[in-house]
Amino acid sequence: MTGLSNIPAGFAPAERFLDGRTLLVTGATGGLGRALVEACAGHGAVVVMAGRRVRALEQLSDRVVAAGHPQPVIYPVDLSGAEAGDYEQMARAIGDQLGALDAVLHVAAAFAGLTPLAQTDPKVWQATLAVNLSAPFLINRAVLELLKQSDRARVLFTLDDPGRVGGAYWGAYGVSKQALSALTAIAAAELEAYRIEVNAVVPPPLATRLRRQAYLDERGSPAADPAVAVPTYLYLLAEHPSPVTGRVFEIASDGPRAASA
């Protein structure tokens, strides 16, 4: 992976630049996931929404349709317990129903709170790694053949500040997020041959349930609206004169930073 990157200053996606594209978003009903689903659908994409809570997925789907955007596809799945076969079934369902997949946005994350390693419940450890690390690997593996068929395939991972989550008490969440950075680098190197662009995004502390739980010492200080992260994901889904891959894009709390000269 290269050093931290930022999207070009003044970037604005073309209207409906995702027309005809099919995207898979995990953690679709979380704060960031919901913002991305609505933004991508607003630009014309058919979004496969993966999440645990069926009612929340249905409500989000209704909201997207009411706004006049393409009907999303609801795919209930519990990433903490799903196995390889479950994701292979997901890939078959996407292929059978939609015939294509152009991008995967890995947004789902599990965090059980700041806990010393010695006091961490082994089941919580396993479930956290399953959601944050194993699921992205297994999903990528399952949908790879679909992505290879796209002329603009993308895989986007969502990381966290390594300087923060590598400290004491971050446990399985910290381990999984740092391992996910390594997975991003490996996937980018291996998938470049198939013209699949792989990048990662590091959002700022966002006003979401997970962030309120994770950043305990930031209670009372403002957290960014998830919408500030959306332009970076949209930039990475857009077409570029030359491939953009193997990079980590950091987002400031007030939005994407201008690219350095």
C-alpha atoms as a PDB file:
ATOM      1  CA  MET A   1       0.000   0.000   0.000  1.00  0.00           C
ATOM      2  CA  THR A   2       1.138   3.538  -0.711  1.00  0.00           C
ATOM      3  CA  GLY A   3       0.997   6.333   1.872  1.00  0.00           C
ATOM      4  CA  LEU A   4      -2.146   8.198   2.825  1.00  0.00           C
ATOM      5  CA  SER A   5      -3.944   9.791  -0.108  1.00  0.00           C
ATOM      6  CA  ASN A   6      -6.709  12.322  -0.555  1.00  0.00           C
ATOM      7  CA  ILE A   7      -9.186  12.872  -3.355  1.00  0.00           C
ATOM      8  CA  PRO A   8      -8.681  15.833  -5.714  1.00  0.00           C
ATOM      9  CA  ALA A   9      -9.933  19.181  -4.466  1.00  0.00           C
ATOM     10  CA  GLY A  10     -13.326  20.081  -5.859  1.00  0.00           C
ATOM     11  CA  PHE A  11     -14.189  16.545  -6.952  1.00  0.00           C
ATOM     12  CA  ALA A  12     -17.855  16.193  -7.832  1.00  0.00           C
ATOM     13  CA  PRO A  13     -19.196  12.989  -9.400  1.00  0.00           C
ATOM     14  CA  ALA A  14     -21.110  13.219 -12.638  1.00  0.00           C
ATOM     15  CA  GLU A  15     -24.852  12.935 -12.244  1.00  0.00           C
ATOM     16  CA  ARG A  16     -26.003   9.307 -12.250  1.00  0.00           C
ATOM     17  CA  PHE A  17     -22.474   8.095 -13.018  1.00  0.00           C
ATOM     18  CA  LEU A  18     -23.418   4.727 -11.519  1.00  0.00           C
ATOM     19  CA  ASP A  19     -26.289   4.045 -13.922  1.00  0.00           C
ATOM     20  CA  GLY A  20     -26.292   0.363 -14.822  1.00  0.00           C
ATOM     21  CA  ARG A  21     -23.866  -0.529 -12.038  1.00  0.00           C
ATOM     22  CA  THR A  22     -24.482  -3.079  -9.294  1.00  0.00           C
ATOM     23  CA  LEU A  23     -22.872  -2.573  -5.883  1.00  0.00           C
ATOM     24  CA  LEU A  24     -22.761  -4.691  -2.738  1.00  0.00           C
ATOM     25  CA  VAL A  25     -22.662  -2.774   0.557  1.00  0.00           C
ATOM     26  CA  THR A  26     -22.146  -4.607   3.852  1.00  0.00           C
ATOM     27  CA  GLY A  27     -23.353  -3.030   7.070  1.00  0.00           C
ATOM     28  CA  ALA A  28     -25.919  -1.283   4.910  1.00  0.00           C
ATOM     29  CA  THR A  29     -28.142  -0.037   7.724  1.00  0.00           C
ATOM     30  CA  GLY A  30     -25.361   1.439   9.875  1.00  0.00           C
ATOM     31  CA  GLY A  31     -24.690   5.165   9.787  1.00  0.00           C
ATOM     32  CA  LEU A  32     -22.024   5.085   7.074  1.00  0.00           C
ATOM     33  CA  GLY A  33     -23.599   2.175   5.207  1.00  0.00           C
ATOM     34  CA  ARG A  34     -26.947   3.933   4.992  1.00  0.00           C
ATOM     35  CA  ALA A  35     -25.346   7.133   3.699  1.00  0.00           C
ATOM     36  CA  LEU A  36     -23.482   5.173   1.023  1.00  0.00           C
ATOM     37  CA  VAL A  37     -26.552   3.195  -0.043  1.00  0.00           C
ATOM     38  CA  GLU A  38     -28.568   6.378  -0.513  1.00  0.00           C
ATOM     39  CA  ALA A  39     -25.754   8.200  -2.318  1.00  0.00           C
ATOM     40  CA  CYS A  40     -24.939   5.325  -4.682  1.00  0.00           C
ATOM     41  CA  ALA A  41     -28.594   4.675  -5.457  1.00  0.00           C
ATOM     42  CA  GLY A  42     -29.015   8.402  -6.026  1.00  0.00           C
ATOM     43  CA  HIS A  43     -26.371   8.149  -8.745  1.00  0.00           C
ATOM     44  CA  GLY A  44     -28.218   5.292 -10.423  1.00  0.00           C
ATOM     45  CA  ALA A  45     -26.712   2.140  -8.898  1.00  0.00           C
ATOM     46  CA  VAL A  46     -28.637  -0.965  -7.957  1.00  0.00           C
ATOM     47  CA  VAL A  47     -27.396  -1.626  -4.427  1.00  0.00           C
ATOM     48  CA  VAL A  48     -27.363  -5.042  -2.800  1.00  0.00           C
ATOM     49  CA  MET A  49     -27.815  -4.211   0.873  1.00  0.00           C
ATOM     50  CA  ALA A  50     -26.311  -6.788   3.231  1.00  0.00           C
ATOM     51  CA  GLY A  51     -27.173  -6.569   6.905  1.00  0.00           C
ATOM     52  CA  ARG A  52     -28.565  -8.411   9.917  1.00  0.00           C
ATOM     53  CA  ARG A  53     -31.771  -6.491  10.587  1.00  0.00           C
ATOM     54  CA  VAL A  54     -34.419  -7.272   8.006  1.00  0.00           C
ATOM     55  CA  ARG A  55     -36.826  -4.559   9.143  1.00  0.00           C
ATOM     56  CA  ALA A  56     -34.094  -1.920   8.966  1.00  0.00           C
ATOM     57  CA  LEU A  57     -33.153  -3.114   5.469  1.00  0.00           C
ATOM     58  CA  GLU A  58     -36.798  -2.899   4.389  1.00  0.00           C
ATOM     59  CA  GLN A  59     -37.128   0.621   5.769  1.00  0.00           C
ATOM     60  CA  LEU A  60     -33.984   1.739   3.971  1.00  0.00           C
ATOM     61  CA  SER A  61     -35.194   0.172   0.745  1.00  0.00           C
ATOM     62  CA  ASP A  62     -38.508   2.020   1.059  1.00  0.00           C
ATOM     63  CA  ARG A  63     -36.644   5.272   1.629  1.00  0.00           C
ATOM     64  CA  VAL A  64     -34.472   4.772  -1.466  1.00  0.00           C
ATOM     65  CA  VAL A  65     -37.456   3.929  -3.673  1.00  0.00           C
ATOM     66  CA  ALA A  66     -39.477   6.863  -2.311  1.00  0.00           C
ATOM     67  CA  ALA A  67     -36.640   9.153  -3.383  1.00  0.00           C
ATOM     68  CA  GLY A  68     -37.056   7.891  -6.959  1.00  0.00           C
ATOM     69  CA  HIS A  69     -33.905   5.769  -7.060  1.00  0.00           C
ATOM     70  CA  PRO A  70     -33.449   2.179  -8.283  1.00  0.00           C
ATOM     71  CA  GLN A  71     -34.968  -0.535  -6.089  1.00  0.00           C
ATOM     72  CA  PRO A  72     -32.241  -1.965  -3.836  1.00  0.00           C
ATOM     73  CA  VAL A  73     -31.884  -5.688  -3.247  1.00  0.00           C
ATOM     74  CA  ILE A  74     -32.206  -6.816   0.361  1.00  0.00           C
ATOM     75  CA  TYR A  75     -29.830  -9.575   1.443  1.00  0.00           C
ATOM     76  CA  PRO A  76     -30.108 -10.500   5.137  1.00  0.00           C
ATOM     77  CA  VAL A  77     -26.908 -12.030   6.514  1.00  0.00           C
ATOM     78  CA  ASP A  78     -25.219 -12.214   9.904  1.00  0.00           C
ATOM     79  CA  LEU A  79     -21.528 -11.739   9.177  1.00  0.00           C
ATOM     80  CA  SER A  80     -20.556 -12.928  12.641  1.00  0.00           C
ATOM     81  CA  GLY A  81     -21.780 -16.449  11.937  1.00  0.00           C
ATOM     82  CA  ALA A  82     -21.767 -16.781   8.158  1.00  0.00           C
ATOM     83  CA  GLU A  83     -19.397 -19.273   6.540  1.00  0.00           C
ATOM     84  CA  ALA A  84     -17.813 -19.600   3.113  1.00  0.00           C
ATOM     85  CA  GLY A  85     -20.816 -21.446   1.704  1.00  0.00           C
ATOM     86  CA  ASP A  86     -23.156 -18.651   2.770  1.00  0.00           C
ATOM     87  CA  TYR A  87     -21.148 -16.100   0.822  1.00  0.00           C
ATOM     88  CA  GLU A  88     -20.940 -18.384  -2.187  1.00  0.00           C
ATOM     89  CA  GLN A  89     -24.737 -18.586  -2.057  1.00  0.00           C
ATOM     90  CA  MET A  90     -24.849 -14.771  -1.907  1.00  0.00           C
ATOM     91  CA  ALA A  91     -22.665 -14.542  -5.001  1.00  0.00           C
ATOM     92  CA  ARG A  92     -24.893 -17.003  -6.867  1.00  0.00           C
ATOM     93  CA  ALA A  93     -27.985 -15.032  -5.892  1.00  0.00           C
ATOM     94  CA  ILE A  94     -26.454 -11.778  -7.124  1.00  0.00           C
ATOM     95  CA  GLY A  95     -25.407 -13.406 -10.390  1.00  0.00           C
ATOM     96  CA  ASP A  96     -28.776 -15.066 -10.935  1.00  0.00           C
ATOM     97  CA  GLN A  97     -30.888 -12.039 -10.028  1.00  0.00           C
ATOM     98  CA  LEU A  98     -28.769  -9.162 -11.314  1.00  0.00           C
ATOM     99  CA  GLY A  99     -26.301 -10.759 -13.689  1.00  0.00           C
ATOM    100  CA  ALA A 100     -23.407  -8.584 -12.599  1.00  0.00           C
ATOM    101  CA  LEU A 101     -21.463  -7.044  -9.742  1.00  0.00           C
ATOM    102  CA  ASP A 102     -19.263  -3.997 -10.202  1.00  0.00           C
ATOM    103  CA  ALA A 103     -18.146  -3.109  -6.689  1.00  0.00           C
ATOM    104  CA  VAL A 104     -18.033  -4.251  -3.088  1.00  0.00           C
ATOM    105  CA  LEU A 105     -18.041  -1.694  -0.276  1.00  0.00           C
ATOM    106  CA  HIS A 106     -16.953  -3.323   2.982  1.00  0.00           C
ATOM    107  CA  VAL A 107     -18.517  -1.099   5.630  1.00  0.00           C
ATOM    108  CA  ALA A 108     -19.771  -3.523   8.294  1.00  0.00           C
ATOM    109  CA  ALA A 109     -17.829  -3.505  11.563  1.00  0.00           C
ATOM    110  CA  ALA A 110     -18.174  -5.100  14.988  1.00  0.00           C
ATOM    111  CA  PHE A 111     -16.870  -3.587  18.214  1.00  0.00           C
ATOM    112  CA  ALA A 112     -17.707  -4.886  21.673  1.00  0.00           C
ATOM    113  CA  GLY A 113     -16.050  -2.150  23.707  1.00  0.00           C
ATOM    114  CA  LEU A 114     -12.601  -1.404  25.114  1.00  0.00           C
ATOM    115  CA  THR A 115     -11.474  -4.510  26.993  1.00  0.00           C
ATOM    116  CA  PRO A 116      -8.119  -5.905  28.186  1.00  0.00           C
ATOM    117  CA  LEU A 117      -7.064  -8.953  26.210  1.00  0.00           C
ATOM    118  CA  ALA A 118      -7.022 -11.062  29.367  1.00  0.00           C
ATOM    119  CA  GLN A 119     -10.698 -10.263  29.958  1.00  0.00           C
ATOM    120  CA  THR A 120     -11.890 -10.680  26.371  1.00  0.00           C
ATOM    121  CA  ASP A 121     -14.553 -13.345  25.874  1.00  0.00           C
ATOM    122  CA  PRO A 122     -13.216 -15.802  23.241  1.00  0.00           C
ATOM    123  CA  LYS A 123     -16.631 -15.838  21.550  1.00  0.00           C
ATOM    124  CA  VAL A 124     -16.581 -12.056  21.243  1.00  0.00           C
ATOM    125  CA  TRP A 125     -13.045 -12.232  19.857  1.00  0.00           C
ATOM    126  CA  GLN A 126     -14.073 -14.748  17.201  1.00  0.00           C
ATOM    127  CA  ALA A 127     -17.259 -12.889  16.266  1.00  0.00           C
ATOM    128  CA  THR A 128     -15.404  -9.585  15.927  1.00  0.00           C
ATOM    129  CA  LEU A 129     -12.745 -11.061  13.655  1.00  0.00           C
ATOM    130  CA  ALA A 130     -15.468 -12.818  11.665  1.00  0.00           C
ATOM    131  CA  VAL A 131     -17.246  -9.535  10.881  1.00  0.00           C
ATOM    132  CA  ASN A 132     -14.246  -7.262  10.463  1.00  0.00           C
ATOM    133  CA  LEU A 133     -11.738  -9.529   8.746  1.00  0.00           C
ATOM    134  CA  SER A 134     -13.006 -12.945   7.688  1.00  0.00           C
ATOM    135  CA  ALA A 135     -16.210 -11.661   6.063  1.00  0.00           C
ATOM    136  CA  PRO A 136     -14.411  -9.251   3.699  1.00  0.00           C
ATOM    137  CA  PHE A 137     -11.994 -12.018   2.680  1.00  0.00           C
ATOM    138  CA  LEU A 138     -14.758 -14.584   2.135  1.00  0.00           C
ATOM    139  CA  ILE A 139     -17.013 -12.147   0.291  1.00  0.00           C
ATOM    140  CA  ASN A 140     -14.213 -11.084  -2.051  1.00  0.00           C
ATOM    141  CA  ARG A 141     -13.407 -14.719  -2.706  1.00  0.00           C
ATOM    142  CA  ALA A 142     -17.040 -15.571  -3.437  1.00  0.00           C
ATOM    143  CA  VAL A 143     -17.749 -12.668  -5.807  1.00  0.00           C
ATOM    144  CA  LEU A 144     -14.394 -12.581  -7.600  1.00  0.00           C
ATOM    145  CA  GLU A 145     -15.674 -14.158 -10.798  1.00  0.00           C
ATOM    146  CA  LEU A 146     -18.504 -11.604 -10.963  1.00  0.00           C
ATOM    147  CA  LEU A 147     -16.058  -8.738 -10.449  1.00  0.00           C
ATOM    148  CA  LYS A 148     -13.781 -10.065 -13.181  1.00  0.00           C
ATOM    149  CA  GLN A 149     -16.636  -9.630 -15.655  1.00  0.00           C
ATOM    150  CA  SER A 150     -17.012  -5.916 -14.865  1.00  0.00           C
ATOM    151  CA  ASP A 151     -15.226  -3.262 -16.892  1.00  0.00           C
ATOM    152  CA  ARG A 152     -14.976  -1.057 -13.800  1.00  0.00           C
ATOM    153  CA  ALA A 153     -14.604  -3.358 -10.820  1.00  0.00           C
ATOM    154  CA  ARG A 154     -13.893  -1.922  -7.391  1.00  0.00           C
ATOM    155  CA  VAL A 155     -13.287  -3.285  -3.890  1.00  0.00           C
ATOM    156  CA  LEU A 156     -13.337  -0.709  -1.092  1.00  0.00           C
ATOM    157  CA  PHE A 157     -12.335  -1.496   2.478  1.00  0.00           C
ATOM    158  CA  THR A 158     -13.072   0.667   5.503  1.00  0.00           C
ATOM    159  CA  LEU A 159     -10.205   1.017   7.990  1.00  0.00           C
ATOM    160  CA  ASP A 160      -9.624   2.904  11.221  1.00  0.00           C
ATOM    161  CA  ASP A 161      -6.792   5.120  12.436  1.00  0.00           C
ATOM    162  CA  PRO A 162      -3.949   2.627  13.095  1.00  0.00           C
ATOM    163  CA  GLY A 163      -2.335   4.961  15.597  1.00  0.00           C
ATOM    164  CA  ARG A 164      -5.494   4.816  17.661  1.00  0.00           C
ATOM    165  CA  VAL A 165      -6.734   1.252  17.435  1.00  0.00           C
ATOM    166  CA  GLY A 166      -3.274  -0.247  17.892  1.00  0.00           C
ATOM    167  CA  GLY A 167      -3.216   0.839  21.513  1.00  0.00           C
ATOM    168  CA  ALA A 168      -4.195  -0.914  24.727  1.00  0.00           C
ATOM    169  CA  TYR A 169      -7.685  -2.344  25.157  1.00  0.00           C
ATOM    170  CA  TRP A 170      -8.703  -2.213  21.495  1.00  0.00           C
ATOM    171  CA  GLY A 171      -8.546  -6.001  21.411  1.00  0.00           C
ATOM    172  CA  ALA A 172     -10.127  -7.877  18.539  1.00  0.00           C
ATOM    173  CA  TYR A 173     -11.323  -4.683  16.862  1.00  0.00           C
ATOM    174  CA  GLY A 174      -7.816  -3.216  16.776  1.00  0.00           C
ATOM    175  CA  VAL A 175      -6.274  -6.477  15.595  1.00  0.00           C
ATOM    176  CA  SER A 176      -8.877  -6.980  12.885  1.00  0.00           C
ATOM    177  CA  LYS A 177      -8.636  -3.433  11.535  1.00  0.00           C
ATOM    178  CA  GLN A 178      -4.857  -3.588  11.284  1.00  0.00           C
ATOM    179  CA  ALA A 179      -5.061  -7.007   9.648  1.00  0.00           C
ATOM    180  CA  LEU A 180      -7.658  -5.598   7.256  1.00  0.00           C
ATOM    181  CA  SER A 181      -5.075  -3.051   6.125  1.00  0.00           C
ATOM    182  CA  ALA A 182      -2.759  -5.929   5.226  1.00  0.00           C
ATOM    183  CA  LEU A 183      -5.603  -7.706   3.433  1.00  0.00           C
ATOM    184  CA  THR A 184      -6.225  -4.551   1.404  1.00  0.00           C
ATOM    185  CA  ALA A 185      -2.592  -4.396   0.302  1.00  0.00           C
ATOM    186  CA  ILE A 186      -2.464  -8.069  -0.632  1.00  0.00           C
ATOM    187  CA  ALA A 187      -5.762  -7.958  -2.507  1.00  0.00           C
ATOM    188  CA  ALA A 188      -4.703  -4.824  -4.392  1.00  0.00           C
ATOM    189  CA  ALA A 189      -1.475  -6.472  -5.522  1.00  0.00           C
ATOM    190  CA  GLU A 190      -3.150  -9.696  -6.592  1.00  0.00           C
ATOM    191  CA  LEU A 191      -6.239  -8.208  -8.282  1.00  0.00           C
ATOM    192  CA  GLU A 192      -4.434  -5.549 -10.281  1.00  0.00           C
ATOM    193  CA  ALA A 193      -3.878  -8.170 -12.998  1.00  0.00           C
ATOM    194  CA  TYR A 194      -7.656  -8.389 -13.402  1.00  0.00           C
ATOM    195  CA  ARG A 195      -8.064  -4.587 -13.499  1.00  0.00           C
ATOM    196  CA  ILE A 196      -9.929  -4.656 -10.202  1.00  0.00           C
ATOM    197  CA  GLU A 197      -9.111  -1.521  -8.240  1.00  0.00           C
ATOM    198  CA  VAL A 198      -8.730  -2.096  -4.493  1.00  0.00           C
ATOM    199  CA  ASN A 199      -8.486   0.783  -2.039  1.00  0.00           C
ATOM    200  CA  ALA A 200      -9.216   1.601   1.585  1.00  0.00           C
ATOM    201  CA  VAL A 201     -10.880   4.536   3.299  1.00  0.00           C
ATOM    202  CA  VAL A 202     -10.143   5.825   6.802  1.00  0.00           C
ATOM    203  CA  PRO A 203     -13.151   7.894   7.953  1.00  0.00           C
ATOM    204  CA  PRO A 204     -12.919  10.348  10.839  1.00  0.00           C
ATOM    205  CA  PRO A 205     -14.896   9.705  14.034  1.00  0.00           C
ATOM    206  CA  LEU A 206     -18.474   9.620  12.741  1.00  0.00           C
ATOM    207  CA  ALA A 207     -21.795  10.140  14.469  1.00  0.00           C
ATOM    208  CA  THR A 208     -22.676   6.439  14.467  1.00  0.00           C
ATOM    209  CA  ARG A 209     -23.475   3.879  17.152  1.00  0.00           C
ATOM    210  CA  LEU A 210     -20.145   2.113  16.702  1.00  0.00           C
ATOM    211  CA  ARG A 211     -18.149   5.338  16.990  1.00  0.00           C
ATOM    212  CA  ARG A 212     -20.037   6.431  20.112  1.00  0.00           C
ATOM    213  CA  GLN A 213     -19.166   3.094  21.668  1.00  0.00           C
ATOM    214  CA  ALA A 214     -15.570   2.997  20.446  1.00  0.00           C
ATOM    215  CA  TYR A 215     -14.466   6.564  21.096  1.00  0.00           C
ATOM    216  CA  LEU A 216     -15.508   6.779  24.715  1.00  0.00           C
ATOM    217  CA  ASP A 217     -13.221   9.707  25.489  1.00  0.00           C
ATOM    218  CA  GLU A 218     -14.779  11.743  22.696  1.00  0.00           C
ATOM    219  CA  ARG A 219     -18.271  11.836  24.140  1.00  0.00           C
ATOM    220  CA  GLY A 220     -19.438  15.393  24.274  1.00  0.00           C
ATOM    221  CA  SER A 221     -17.200  16.469  21.379  1.00  0.00           C
ATOM    222  CA  PRO A 222     -18.673  16.693  17.903  1.00  0.00           C
ATOM    223  CA  ALA A 223     -18.431  13.705  15.578  1.00  0.00           C
ATOM    224  CA  ALA A 224     -18.739  14.081  11.838  1.00  0.00           C
ATOM    225  CA  ASP A 225     -21.890  13.287   9.932  1.00  0.00           C
ATOM    226  CA  PRO A 226     -21.376  10.067   7.925  1.00  0.00           C
ATOM    227  CA  ALA A 227     -22.076  12.137   4.798  1.00  0.00           C
ATOM    228  CA  VAL A 228     -18.555  13.616   4.982  1.00  0.00           C
ATOM    229  CA  ALA A 229     -17.129  10.223   4.012  1.00  0.00           C
ATOM    230  CA  VAL A 230     -19.378   9.691   1.004  1.00  0.00           C
ATOM    231  CA  PRO A 231     -17.438  11.761  -1.601  1.00  0.00           C
ATOM    232  CA  THR A 232     -14.302   9.659  -1.092  1.00  0.00           C
ATOM    233  CA  TYR A 233     -16.151   6.411  -1.748  1.00  0.00           C
ATOM    234  CA  LEU A 234     -17.841   7.974  -4.794  1.00  0.00           C
ATOM    235  CA  TYR A 235     -14.472   9.129  -6.113  1.00  0.00           C
ATOM    236  CA  LEU A 236     -13.111   5.600  -5.832  1.00  0.00           C
ATOM    237  CA  LEU A 237     -16.158   4.247  -7.694  1.00  0.00           C
ATOM    238  CA  ALA A 238     -15.722   6.705 -10.562  1.00  0.00           C
ATOM    239  CA  GLU A 239     -13.674   6.300 -13.724  1.00  0.00           C
ATOM    240  CA  HIS A 240     -10.159   7.769 -13.776  1.00  0.00           C
ATOM    241  CA  PRO A 241      -7.633   8.428 -16.552  1.00  0.00           C
ATOM    242  CA  SER A 242      -5.331   5.842 -14.973  1.00  0.00           C
ATOM    243  CA  PRO A 243      -5.999   3.140 -12.364  1.00  0.00           C
ATOM    244  CA  VAL A 244      -6.304   4.170  -8.730  1.00  0.00           C
ATOM    245  CA  THR A 245      -5.482   1.148  -6.611  1.00  0.00           C
ATOM    246  CA  GLY A 246      -3.562   0.009  -3.544  1.00  0.00           C
ATOM    247  CA  ARG A 247      -4.075   3.297  -1.717  1.00  0.00           C
ATOM    248  CA  VAL A 248      -5.487   4.443   1.619  1.00  0.00           C
ATOM    249  CA  PHE A 249      -7.655   7.571   1.556  1.00  0.00           C
ATOM    250  CA  GLU A 250      -7.908   9.511   4.803  1.00  0.00           C
ATOM    251  CA  ILE A 251     -10.878  11.784   5.455  1.00  0.00           C
ATOM    252  CA  ALA A 252     -10.729  14.819   7.729  1.00  0.00           C
ATOM    253  CA  SER A 253     -13.644  15.459  10.084  1.00  0.00           C
ATOM    254  CA  ASP A 254     -14.819  18.333   7.887  1.00  0.00           C
ATOM    255  CA  GLY A 255     -14.641  16.264   4.693  1.00  0.00           C
ATOM    256  CA  PRO A 256     -12.060  14.992   2.204  1.00  0.00           C
ATOM    257  CA  ARG A 257      -8.766  16.822   2.216  1.00  0.00           C
ATOM    258  CA  ALA A 258      -7.441  18.411  -0.937  1.00  0.00           C
ATOM    259  CA  ALA A 259      -4.777  16.393  -2.679  1.00  0.00           C
ATOM    260  CA  SER A 260      -1.262  17.655  -2.159  1.00  0.00           C
ATOM    261  CA  ALA A 261       0.551  19.041  -5.167  1.00  0.00           C
END
